[in-house]
C-alpha atoms as a PDB file:
ATOM      1  CA  MET A   1      28.631 -25.630 -20.654  1.00  0.00           C
ATOM      2  CA  ARG A   2      31.898 -26.205 -22.467  1.00  0.00           C
ATOM      3  CA  ALA A   3      31.654 -27.558 -26.029  1.00  0.00           C
ATOM      4  CA  HIS A   4      33.403 -30.839 -25.160  1.00  0.00           C
ATOM      5  CA  THR A   5      31.007 -31.423 -22.236  1.00  0.00           C
ATOM      6  CA  ARG A   6      28.017 -30.628 -24.441  1.00  0.00           C
ATOM      7  CA  ARG A   7      29.038 -33.137 -27.117  1.00  0.00           C
ATOM      8  CA  ALA A   8      29.759 -35.817 -24.486  1.00  0.00           C
ATOM      9  CA  VAL A   9      26.288 -35.331 -22.973  1.00  0.00           C
ATOM     10  CA  ALA A  10      24.730 -35.411 -26.454  1.00  0.00           C
ATOM     11  CA  PHE A  11      26.585 -38.620 -27.318  1.00  0.00           C
ATOM     12  CA  ILE A  12      25.742 -40.384 -24.054  1.00  0.00           C
ATOM     13  CA  ALA A  13      22.084 -39.314 -23.996  1.00  0.00           C
ATOM     14  CA  GLY A  14      21.719 -40.110 -27.703  1.00  0.00           C
ATOM     15  CA  LYS A  15      23.173 -43.589 -27.307  1.00  0.00           C
ATOM     16  CA  LEU A  16      21.168 -44.413 -24.176  1.00  0.00           C
ATOM     17  CA  ILE A  17      17.878 -43.226 -25.682  1.00  0.00           C
ATOM     18  CA  SER A  18      18.189 -44.295 -29.326  1.00  0.00           C
ATOM     19  CA  GLU A  19      20.362 -47.388 -28.785  1.00  0.00           C
ATOM     20  CA  GLU A  20      22.136 -46.556 -32.086  1.00  0.00           C
ATOM     21  CA  ARG A  21      25.255 -48.603 -32.742  1.00  0.00           C
ATOM     22  CA  THR A  22      27.684 -45.753 -33.317  1.00  0.00           C
ATOM     23  CA  HIS A  23      30.899 -44.477 -31.787  1.00  0.00           C
ATOM     24  CA  ALA A  24      30.676 -40.879 -32.940  1.00  0.00           C
ATOM     25  CA  VAL A  25      28.624 -37.721 -32.677  1.00  0.00           C
ATOM     26  CA  ARG A  26      28.485 -34.933 -35.263  1.00  0.00           C
ATOM     27  CA  ASP A  27      28.275 -31.407 -33.903  1.00  0.00           C
ATOM     28  CA  GLN A  28      26.041 -29.713 -36.461  1.00  0.00           C
ATOM     29  CA  SER A  29      27.242 -26.216 -35.531  1.00  0.00           C
ATOM     30  CA  SER A  30      30.872 -27.018 -36.398  1.00  0.00           C
ATOM     31  CA  GLY A  31      30.204 -29.831 -38.873  1.00  0.00           C
ATOM     32  CA  ARG A  32      32.834 -31.939 -37.086  1.00  0.00           C
ATOM     33  CA  LEU A  33      32.592 -35.597 -36.179  1.00  0.00           C
ATOM     34  CA  TYR A  34      33.865 -36.583 -32.714  1.00  0.00           C
ATOM     35  CA  GLN A  35      34.799 -40.171 -31.836  1.00  0.00           C
ATOM     36  CA  PHE A  36      33.922 -41.897 -28.562  1.00  0.00           C
ATOM     37  CA  ASN A  37      34.974 -45.382 -27.535  1.00  0.00           C
ATOM     38  CA  GLY A  38      33.874 -47.498 -24.626  1.00  0.00           C
ATOM     39  CA  PHE A  39      30.800 -48.920 -23.022  1.00  0.00           C
ATOM     40  CA  LEU A  40      27.465 -47.677 -21.751  1.00  0.00           C
ATOM     41  CA  ASN A  41      24.198 -49.235 -20.662  1.00  0.00           C
ATOM     42  CA  GLY A  42      21.448 -48.656 -18.122  1.00  0.00           C
ATOM     43  CA  GLN A  43      23.774 -49.097 -15.152  1.00  0.00           C
ATOM     44  CA  ARG A  44      27.217 -47.934 -16.274  1.00  0.00           C
ATOM     45  CA  VAL A  45      28.873 -45.333 -18.491  1.00  0.00           C
ATOM     46  CA  ASP A  46      32.551 -45.632 -19.384  1.00  0.00           C
ATOM     47  CA  VAL A  47      33.390 -43.802 -22.618  1.00  0.00           C
ATOM     48  CA  ARG A  48      36.514 -42.072 -23.892  1.00  0.00           C
ATOM     49  CA  ASP A  49      36.418 -38.815 -25.844  1.00  0.00           C
ATOM     50  CA  SER A  50      39.162 -39.328 -28.444  1.00  0.00           C
ATOM     51  CA  GLU A  51      39.465 -35.590 -29.175  1.00  0.00           C
ATOM     52  CA  MET A  52      39.973 -34.605 -25.523  1.00  0.00           C
ATOM     53  CA  GLY A  53      41.856 -37.766 -24.544  1.00  0.00           C
ATOM     54  CA  CYS A  54      39.749 -38.281 -21.428  1.00  0.00           C
ATOM     55  CA  CYS A  55      37.020 -40.517 -20.059  1.00  0.00           C
ATOM     56  CA  ILE A  56      33.472 -39.810 -18.964  1.00  0.00           C
ATOM     57  CA  THR A  57      32.440 -42.390 -16.394  1.00  0.00           C
ATOM     58  CA  GLY A  58      29.603 -42.996 -13.984  1.00  0.00           C
ATOM     59  CA  THR A  59      26.709 -45.112 -12.861  1.00  0.00           C
ATOM     60  CA  GLY A  60      22.976 -45.048 -13.375  1.00  0.00           C
ATOM     61  CA  VAL A  61      19.898 -46.267 -11.573  1.00  0.00           C
ATOM     62  CA  ALA A  62      16.382 -45.929 -12.973  1.00  0.00           C
ATOM     63  CA  ARG A  63      17.618 -43.784 -15.910  1.00  0.00           C
ATOM     64  CA  ARG A  64      19.357 -41.313 -13.559  1.00  0.00           C
ATOM     65  CA  TYR A  65      23.101 -41.047 -14.045  1.00  0.00           C
ATOM     66  CA  GLN A  66      25.888 -39.466 -12.021  1.00  0.00           C
ATOM     67  CA  LEU A  67      28.817 -38.898 -14.369  1.00  0.00           C
ATOM     68  CA  MET A  68      32.337 -37.515 -14.020  1.00  0.00           C
ATOM     69  CA  HIS A  69      34.026 -35.781 -16.946  1.00  0.00           C
ATOM     70  CA  GLY A  70      37.738 -36.566 -16.728  1.00  0.00           C
ATOM     71  CA  HIS A  71      38.901 -33.405 -18.507  1.00  0.00           C
ATOM     72  CA  ASN A  72      37.085 -30.989 -16.185  1.00  0.00           C
ATOM     73  CA  ASN A  73      37.100 -33.283 -13.137  1.00  0.00           C
ATOM     74  CA  GLN A  74      33.523 -32.151 -12.598  1.00  0.00           C
ATOM     75  CA  ALA A  75      30.269 -34.050 -12.154  1.00  0.00           C
ATOM     76  CA  ILE A  76      27.368 -34.135 -14.575  1.00  0.00           C
ATOM     77  CA  ARG A  77      23.875 -35.256 -13.591  1.00  0.00           C
ATOM     78  CA  LEU A  78      21.822 -36.796 -16.417  1.00  0.00           C
ATOM     79  CA  GLU A  79      18.210 -37.961 -16.207  1.00  0.00           C
ATOM     80  CA  ILE A  80      16.363 -39.668 -19.038  1.00  0.00           C
ATOM     81  CA  ASP A  81      12.598 -39.779 -19.469  1.00  0.00           C
ATOM     82  CA  GLY A  82      11.513 -41.424 -22.708  1.00  0.00           C
ATOM     83  CA  GLU A  83      13.063 -39.449 -25.566  1.00  0.00           C
ATOM     84  CA  ARG A  84      13.811 -36.427 -23.359  1.00  0.00           C
ATOM     85  CA  PHE A  85      16.737 -35.757 -21.053  1.00  0.00           C
ATOM     86  CA  THR A  86      17.617 -33.158 -18.450  1.00  0.00           C
ATOM     87  CA  GLY A  87      20.590 -32.579 -16.238  1.00  0.00           C
ATOM     88  CA  TYR A  88      23.068 -30.341 -14.540  1.00  0.00           C
ATOM     89  CA  ASP A  89      26.688 -29.550 -15.363  1.00  0.00           C
ATOM     90  CA  TYR A  90      28.638 -28.838 -12.179  1.00  0.00           C
ATOM     91  CA  ASP A  91      31.486 -27.267 -14.166  1.00  0.00           C
ATOM     92  CA  SER A  92      29.356 -24.426 -15.569  1.00  0.00           C
ATOM     93  CA  LEU A  93      26.862 -24.547 -12.664  1.00  0.00           C
ATOM     94  CA  ASN A  94      24.034 -24.660 -15.193  1.00  0.00           C
ATOM     95  CA  GLY A  95      21.347 -27.052 -16.293  1.00  0.00           C
ATOM     96  CA  PHE A  96      20.579 -28.456 -19.709  1.00  0.00           C
ATOM     97  CA  SER A  97      17.742 -30.290 -21.398  1.00  0.00           C
ATOM     98  CA  GLY A  98      17.175 -32.015 -24.684  1.00  0.00           C
ATOM     99  CA  ARG A  99      15.425 -34.481 -26.887  1.00  0.00           C
ATOM    100  CA  VAL A 100      16.498 -37.409 -29.044  1.00  0.00           C
ATOM    101  CA  SER A 101      14.537 -38.198 -32.191  1.00  0.00           C
ATOM    102  CA  GLY A 102      16.020 -41.090 -34.125  1.00  0.00           C
ATOM    103  CA  ARG A 103      19.645 -40.112 -34.708  1.00  0.00           C
ATOM    104  CA  ALA A 104      19.035 -36.379 -34.109  1.00  0.00           C
ATOM    105  CA  ILE A 105      19.779 -34.789 -30.741  1.00  0.00           C
ATOM    106  CA  THR A 106      18.800 -31.277 -29.704  1.00  0.00           C
ATOM    107  CA  LEU A 107      20.346 -29.928 -26.505  1.00  0.00           C
ATOM    108  CA  PHE A 108      19.411 -26.648 -24.827  1.00  0.00           C
ATOM    109  CA  ASP A 109      22.337 -25.220 -22.853  1.00  0.00           C
ATOM    110  CA  ASN A 110      21.045 -22.959 -20.054  1.00  0.00           C
ATOM    111  CA  GLU A 111      24.394 -21.181 -19.703  1.00  0.00           C
ATOM    112  CA  HIS A 112      24.417 -20.028 -23.335  1.00  0.00           C
ATOM    113  CA  GLN A 113      20.612 -19.829 -23.638  1.00  0.00           C
ATOM    114  CA  ARG A 114      20.568 -21.589 -27.002  1.00  0.00           C
ATOM    115  CA  TYR A 115      19.959 -24.885 -28.741  1.00  0.00           C
ATOM    116  CA  PHE A 116      22.704 -27.095 -30.155  1.00  0.00           C
ATOM    117  CA  ASP A 117      22.094 -29.895 -32.671  1.00  0.00           C
ATOM    118  CA  PHE A 118      23.962 -33.181 -32.982  1.00  0.00           C
ATOM    119  CA  LEU A 119      23.686 -36.419 -34.961  1.00  0.00           C
ATOM    120  CA  ILE A 120      24.771 -39.865 -33.798  1.00  0.00           C
END
């Protein structure tokens, strides 16, 4: 999974699960803060990644979301179950999983076989 896709998934999952009122995610591996603007709720996601200059949009039913990343023009499937999330990135053809605990997000990227940490 590309870094910009990973941080978008972390931001969206983190916001949907924690309901934090923030417009940014910090990638702990780089120490950088990335801004996102837009709207998301249980039925719709429409956010803009300011760094990449693109939108991530989609719809959700019963905590299952079908998203489209505007930079890659590829789909992302995201499913939320309590504080955990799983999904599939059609750009890398790999799955991912993670957990949100307060403002902390841990995402396991199957392509890279490692964990990535974020804060919202």
